[in-house]
Amino acid sequence: MAAKKTITLQQVRSPARRPERQTATLIGLGLNKLGRTATLEDTPAVRGMLKKVQHLVEVVDGK
């Protein structure tokens, strides 16, 4: 069985003055402070969450 793909995200902008849904999405991704990184499984759900907050995060590594 093949290894699961992962994606590493880093928060690069603050969620201050953003809608509560975007803040909640960041928390769901495991990011809630500037500079934090999270390595997550590359699934459609994670991709959808990433799309909602793409202006706040940066993809560091997508293997």
PDB file of N, CA and C in Angstrom:
ATOM      1  N   MET A   1       0.845  -1.180   0.000  1.00  0.00           N
ATOM      2  CA  MET A   1       0.000   0.000   0.000  1.00  0.00           C
ATOM      3  C   MET A   1       0.891   1.244   0.000  1.00  0.00           C
ATOM      4  N   ALA A   2       0.524   2.226  -0.780  1.00  0.00           N
ATOM      5  CA  ALA A   2       1.323   3.445  -0.913  1.00  0.00           C
ATOM      6  C   ALA A   2       1.216   4.307   0.335  1.00  0.00           C
ATOM      7  N   ALA A   3       2.260   5.078   0.580  1.00  0.00           N
ATOM      8  CA  ALA A   3       2.257   5.999   1.715  1.00  0.00           C
ATOM      9  C   ALA A   3       1.239   7.110   1.456  1.00  0.00           C
ATOM     10  N   LYS A   4       0.626   7.578   2.527  1.00  0.00           N
ATOM     11  CA  LYS A   4      -0.366   8.635   2.384  1.00  0.00           C
ATOM     12  C   LYS A   4       0.325   9.958   2.094  1.00  0.00           C
ATOM     13  N   LYS A   5      -0.269  10.720   1.207  1.00  0.00           N
ATOM     14  CA  LYS A   5       0.276  12.029   0.877  1.00  0.00           C
ATOM     15  C   LYS A   5      -0.021  13.000   2.017  1.00  0.00           C
ATOM     16  N   THR A   6       0.925  13.893   2.251  1.00  0.00           N
ATOM     17  CA  THR A   6       0.731  14.913   3.278  1.00  0.00           C
ATOM     18  C   THR A   6       0.959  16.283   2.667  1.00  0.00           C
ATOM     19  N   ILE A   7       0.475  17.289   3.370  1.00  0.00           N
ATOM     20  CA  ILE A   7       0.656  18.676   2.969  1.00  0.00           C
ATOM     21  C   ILE A   7       1.030  19.453   4.230  1.00  0.00           C
ATOM     22  N   THR A   8       2.043  20.295   4.126  1.00  0.00           N
ATOM     23  CA  THR A   8       2.486  21.092   5.260  1.00  0.00           C
ATOM     24  C   THR A   8       2.101  22.542   5.007  1.00  0.00           C
ATOM     25  N   LEU A   9       1.384  23.120   5.970  1.00  0.00           N
ATOM     26  CA  LEU A   9       0.903  24.487   5.865  1.00  0.00           C
ATOM     27  C   LEU A   9       1.543  25.342   6.941  1.00  0.00           C
ATOM     28  N   GLN A  10       1.752  26.621   6.640  1.00  0.00           N
ATOM     29  CA  GLN A  10       2.245  27.569   7.621  1.00  0.00           C
ATOM     30  C   GLN A  10       1.351  28.789   7.592  1.00  0.00           C
ATOM     31  N   GLN A  11       0.968  29.266   8.773  1.00  0.00           N
ATOM     32  CA  GLN A  11       0.143  30.459   8.845  1.00  0.00           C
ATOM     33  C   GLN A  11       1.044  31.679   8.688  1.00  0.00           C
ATOM     34  N   VAL A  12       0.723  32.547   7.719  1.00  0.00           N
ATOM     35  CA  VAL A  12       1.556  33.706   7.435  1.00  0.00           C
ATOM     36  C   VAL A  12       0.837  35.033   7.673  1.00  0.00           C
ATOM     37  N   ARG A  13      -0.466  34.993   7.910  1.00  0.00           N
ATOM     38  CA  ARG A  13      -1.225  36.210   8.190  1.00  0.00           C
ATOM     39  C   ARG A  13      -2.170  35.976   9.361  1.00  0.00           C
ATOM     40  N   SER A  14      -2.487  37.052  10.032  1.00  0.00           N
ATOM     41  CA  SER A  14      -3.329  36.985  11.217  1.00  0.00           C
ATOM     42  C   SER A  14      -4.813  36.884  10.848  1.00  0.00           C
ATOM     43  N   PRO A  15      -5.581  36.150  11.638  1.00  0.00           N
ATOM     44  CA  PRO A  15      -7.021  36.079  11.387  1.00  0.00           C
ATOM     45  C   PRO A  15      -7.789  37.243  12.026  1.00  0.00           C
ATOM     46  N   ALA A  16      -7.094  38.215  12.578  1.00  0.00           N
ATOM     47  CA  ALA A  16      -7.760  39.377  13.182  1.00  0.00           C
ATOM     48  C   ALA A  16      -8.568  40.113  12.110  1.00  0.00           C
ATOM     49  N   ARG A  17      -9.740  40.565  12.501  1.00  0.00           N
ATOM     50  CA  ARG A  17     -10.656  41.288  11.622  1.00  0.00           C
ATOM     51  C   ARG A  17     -11.122  40.454  10.433  1.00  0.00           C
ATOM     52  N   ARG A  18     -11.126  39.142  10.598  1.00  0.00           N
ATOM     53  CA  ARG A  18     -11.638  38.233   9.579  1.00  0.00           C
ATOM     54  C   ARG A  18     -12.924  37.608  10.107  1.00  0.00           C
ATOM     55  N   PRO A  19     -13.758  37.072   9.233  1.00  0.00           N
ATOM     56  CA  PRO A  19     -14.973  36.403   9.700  1.00  0.00           C
ATOM     57  C   PRO A  19     -14.649  35.233  10.643  1.00  0.00           C
ATOM     58  N   GLU A  20     -15.521  34.989  11.575  1.00  0.00           N
ATOM     59  CA  GLU A  20     -15.335  33.925  12.569  1.00  0.00           C
ATOM     60  C   GLU A  20     -15.160  32.562  11.905  1.00  0.00           C
ATOM     61  N   ARG A  21     -15.795  32.356  10.769  1.00  0.00           N
ATOM     62  CA  ARG A  21     -15.665  31.073  10.062  1.00  0.00           C
ATOM     63  C   ARG A  21     -14.226  30.819   9.620  1.00  0.00           C
ATOM     64  N   GLN A  22     -13.529  31.873   9.211  1.00  0.00           N
ATOM     65  CA  GLN A  22     -12.138  31.702   8.793  1.00  0.00           C
ATOM     66  C   GLN A  22     -11.242  31.385   9.990  1.00  0.00           C
ATOM     67  N   THR A  23     -11.498  32.021  11.111  1.00  0.00           N
ATOM     68  CA  THR A  23     -10.738  31.724  12.332  1.00  0.00           C
ATOM     69  C   THR A  23     -10.975  30.282  12.747  1.00  0.00           C
ATOM     70  N   ALA A  24     -12.214  29.841  12.680  1.00  0.00           N
ATOM     71  CA  ALA A  24     -12.543  28.464  13.040  1.00  0.00           C
ATOM     72  C   ALA A  24     -11.894  27.468  12.080  1.00  0.00           C
ATOM     73  N   THR A  25     -11.804  27.822  10.807  1.00  0.00           N
ATOM     74  CA  THR A  25     -11.152  26.957   9.828  1.00  0.00           C
ATOM     75  C   THR A  25      -9.670  26.819  10.133  1.00  0.00           C
ATOM     76  N   LEU A  26      -9.025  27.922  10.509  1.00  0.00           N
ATOM     77  CA  LEU A  26      -7.610  27.856  10.883  1.00  0.00           C
ATOM     78  C   LEU A  26      -7.406  26.940  12.087  1.00  0.00           C
ATOM     79  N   ILE A  27      -8.273  27.057  13.074  1.00  0.00           N
ATOM     80  CA  ILE A  27      -8.171  26.197  14.255  1.00  0.00           C
ATOM     81  C   ILE A  27      -8.381  24.745  13.860  1.00  0.00           C
ATOM     82  N   GLY A  28      -9.307  24.495  12.955  1.00  0.00           N
ATOM     83  CA  GLY A  28      -9.545  23.138  12.467  1.00  0.00           C
ATOM     84  C   GLY A  28      -8.338  22.562  11.737  1.00  0.00           C
ATOM     85  N   LEU A  29      -7.559  23.423  11.118  1.00  0.00           N
ATOM     86  CA  LEU A  29      -6.342  22.983  10.431  1.00  0.00           C
ATOM     87  C   LEU A  29      -5.164  22.847  11.390  1.00  0.00           C
ATOM     88  N   GLY A  30      -5.359  23.266  12.635  1.00  0.00           N
ATOM     89  CA  GLY A  30      -4.280  23.192  13.619  1.00  0.00           C
ATOM     90  C   GLY A  30      -3.402  24.420  13.619  1.00  0.00           C
ATOM     91  N   LEU A  31      -3.886  25.503  13.050  1.00  0.00           N
ATOM     92  CA  LEU A  31      -3.142  26.762  12.994  1.00  0.00           C
ATOM     93  C   LEU A  31      -3.949  27.824  13.719  1.00  0.00           C
ATOM     94  N   ASN A  32      -3.363  28.466  14.709  1.00  0.00           N
ATOM     95  CA  ASN A  32      -4.079  29.550  15.372  1.00  0.00           C
ATOM     96  C   ASN A  32      -3.167  30.684  15.796  1.00  0.00           C
ATOM     97  N   LYS A  33      -1.872  30.596  15.464  1.00  0.00           N
ATOM     98  CA  LYS A  33      -0.943  31.685  15.750  1.00  0.00           C
ATOM     99  C   LYS A  33       0.007  31.833  14.562  1.00  0.00           C
ATOM    100  N   LEU A  34       0.466  33.036  14.335  1.00  0.00           N
ATOM    101  CA  LEU A  34       1.371  33.297  13.226  1.00  0.00           C
ATOM    102  C   LEU A  34       2.627  32.449  13.314  1.00  0.00           C
ATOM    103  N   GLY A  35       3.058  31.938  12.183  1.00  0.00           N
ATOM    104  CA  GLY A  35       4.279  31.153  12.115  1.00  0.00           C
ATOM    105  C   GLY A  35       4.119  29.681  12.430  1.00  0.00           C
ATOM    106  N   ARG A  36       2.968  29.268  12.900  1.00  0.00           N
ATOM    107  CA  ARG A  36       2.759  27.852  13.208  1.00  0.00           C
ATOM    108  C   ARG A  36       2.673  27.052  11.922  1.00  0.00           C
ATOM    109  N   THR A  37       3.135  25.811  12.000  1.00  0.00           N
ATOM    110  CA  THR A  37       3.026  24.916  10.863  1.00  0.00           C
ATOM    111  C   THR A  37       2.237  23.686  11.276  1.00  0.00           C
ATOM    112  N   ALA A  38       1.606  23.072  10.306  1.00  0.00           N
ATOM    113  CA  ALA A  38       0.842  21.855  10.539  1.00  0.00           C
ATOM    114  C   ALA A  38       1.024  20.941   9.338  1.00  0.00           C
ATOM    115  N   THR A  39       1.257  19.667   9.604  1.00  0.00           N
ATOM    116  CA  THR A  39       1.353  18.670   8.550  1.00  0.00           C
ATOM    117  C   THR A  39       0.093  17.824   8.606  1.00  0.00           C
ATOM    118  N   LEU A  40      -0.647  17.837   7.517  1.00  0.00           N
ATOM    119  CA  LEU A  40      -1.942  17.176   7.458  1.00  0.00           C
ATOM    120  C   LEU A  40      -1.988  16.217   6.281  1.00  0.00           C
ATOM    121  N   GLU A  41      -2.884  15.245   6.385  1.00  0.00           N
ATOM    122  CA  GLU A  41      -3.102  14.329   5.274  1.00  0.00           C
ATOM    123  C   GLU A  41      -3.781  15.089   4.137  1.00  0.00           C
ATOM    124  N   ASP A  42      -3.335  14.849   2.922  1.00  0.00           N
ATOM    125  CA  ASP A  42      -3.859  15.553   1.750  1.00  0.00           C
ATOM    126  C   ASP A  42      -5.165  14.897   1.313  1.00  0.00           C
ATOM    127  N   THR A  43      -6.271  15.416   1.828  1.00  0.00           N
ATOM    128  CA  THR A  43      -7.597  14.900   1.500  1.00  0.00           C
ATOM    129  C   THR A  43      -8.432  16.023   0.884  1.00  0.00           C
ATOM    130  N   PRO A  44      -9.536  15.681   0.248  1.00  0.00           N
ATOM    131  CA  PRO A  44     -10.410  16.726  -0.300  1.00  0.00           C
ATOM    132  C   PRO A  44     -10.940  17.682   0.779  1.00  0.00           C
ATOM    133  N   ALA A  45     -11.181  17.179   1.986  1.00  0.00           N
ATOM    134  CA  ALA A  45     -11.674  18.031   3.067  1.00  0.00           C
ATOM    135  C   ALA A  45     -10.628  19.075   3.455  1.00  0.00           C
ATOM    136  N   VAL A  46      -9.389  18.643   3.572  1.00  0.00           N
ATOM    137  CA  VAL A  46      -8.308  19.567   3.921  1.00  0.00           C
ATOM    138  C   VAL A  46      -8.089  20.561   2.789  1.00  0.00           C
ATOM    139  N   ARG A  47      -8.152  20.104   1.556  1.00  0.00           N
ATOM    140  CA  ARG A  47      -8.010  21.002   0.408  1.00  0.00           C
ATOM    141  C   ARG A  47      -9.105  22.070   0.397  1.00  0.00           C
ATOM    142  N   GLY A  48     -10.329  21.681   0.745  1.00  0.00           N
ATOM    143  CA  GLY A  48     -11.426  22.637   0.810  1.00  0.00           C
ATOM    144  C   GLY A  48     -11.216  23.673   1.896  1.00  0.00           C
ATOM    145  N   MET A  49     -10.732  23.222   3.059  1.00  0.00           N
ATOM    146  CA  MET A  49     -10.449  24.153   4.155  1.00  0.00           C
ATOM    147  C   MET A  49      -9.320  25.099   3.751  1.00  0.00           C
ATOM    148  N   LEU A  50      -8.327  24.569   3.072  1.00  0.00           N
ATOM    149  CA  LEU A  50      -7.205  25.379   2.622  1.00  0.00           C
ATOM    150  C   LEU A  50      -7.673  26.460   1.653  1.00  0.00           C
ATOM    151  N   LYS A  51      -8.584  26.114   0.778  1.00  0.00           N
ATOM    152  CA  LYS A  51      -9.090  27.081  -0.193  1.00  0.00           C
ATOM    153  C   LYS A  51      -9.817  28.242   0.486  1.00  0.00           C
ATOM    154  N   LYS A  52     -10.494  27.967   1.608  1.00  0.00           N
ATOM    155  CA  LYS A  52     -11.231  29.012   2.320  1.00  0.00           C
ATOM    156  C   LYS A  52     -10.319  30.019   3.009  1.00  0.00           C
ATOM    157  N   VAL A  53      -9.098  29.590   3.356  1.00  0.00           N
ATOM    158  CA  VAL A  53      -8.176  30.485   4.063  1.00  0.00           C
ATOM    159  C   VAL A  53      -6.847  30.622   3.320  1.00  0.00           C
ATOM    160  N   GLN A  54      -6.874  30.487   2.009  1.00  0.00           N
ATOM    161  CA  GLN A  54      -5.643  30.502   1.222  1.00  0.00           C
ATOM    162  C   GLN A  54      -4.895  31.826   1.337  1.00  0.00           C
ATOM    163  N   HIS A  55      -5.580  32.902   1.680  1.00  0.00           N
ATOM    164  CA  HIS A  55      -4.930  34.201   1.828  1.00  0.00           C
ATOM    165  C   HIS A  55      -4.233  34.347   3.183  1.00  0.00           C
ATOM    166  N   LEU A  56      -4.433  33.388   4.090  1.00  0.00           N
ATOM    167  CA  LEU A  56      -3.836  33.442   5.423  1.00  0.00           C
ATOM    168  C   LEU A  56      -2.727  32.425   5.607  1.00  0.00           C
ATOM    169  N   VAL A  57      -2.654  31.435   4.740  1.00  0.00           N
ATOM    170  CA  VAL A  57      -1.677  30.360   4.905  1.00  0.00           C
ATOM    171  C   VAL A  57      -0.816  30.216   3.654  1.00  0.00           C
ATOM    172  N   GLU A  58       0.266  29.466   3.816  1.00  0.00           N
ATOM    173  CA  GLU A  58       1.179  29.198   2.719  1.00  0.00           C
ATOM    174  C   GLU A  58       1.485  27.704   2.732  1.00  0.00           C
ATOM    175  N   VAL A  59       1.497  27.092   1.569  1.00  0.00           N
ATOM    176  CA  VAL A  59       1.857  25.685   1.481  1.00  0.00           C
ATOM    177  C   VAL A  59       3.384  25.598   1.473  1.00  0.00           C
ATOM    178  N   VAL A  60       3.929  24.986   2.532  1.00  0.00           N
ATOM    179  CA  VAL A  60       5.376  24.889   2.667  1.00  0.00           C
ATOM    180  C   VAL A  60       5.884  23.688   1.895  1.00  0.00           C
ATOM    181  N   ASP A  61       5.187  22.564   2.018  1.00  0.00           N
ATOM    182  CA  ASP A  61       5.633  21.338   1.385  1.00  0.00           C
ATOM    183  C   ASP A  61       4.426  20.477   1.081  1.00  0.00           C
ATOM    184  N   GLY A  62       4.331  20.009  -0.121  1.00  0.00           N
ATOM    185  CA  GLY A  62       3.226  19.133  -0.500  1.00  0.00           C
ATOM    186  C   GLY A  62       3.744  17.867  -1.121  1.00  0.00           C
ATOM    187  N   LYS A  63       4.032  16.858  -0.282  1.00  0.00           N
ATOM    188  CA  LYS A  63       4.572  15.585  -0.790  1.00  0.00           C
ATOM    189  C   LYS A  63       3.481  14.556  -0.885  1.00  0.00           C
TER     190      LYS A  63
END
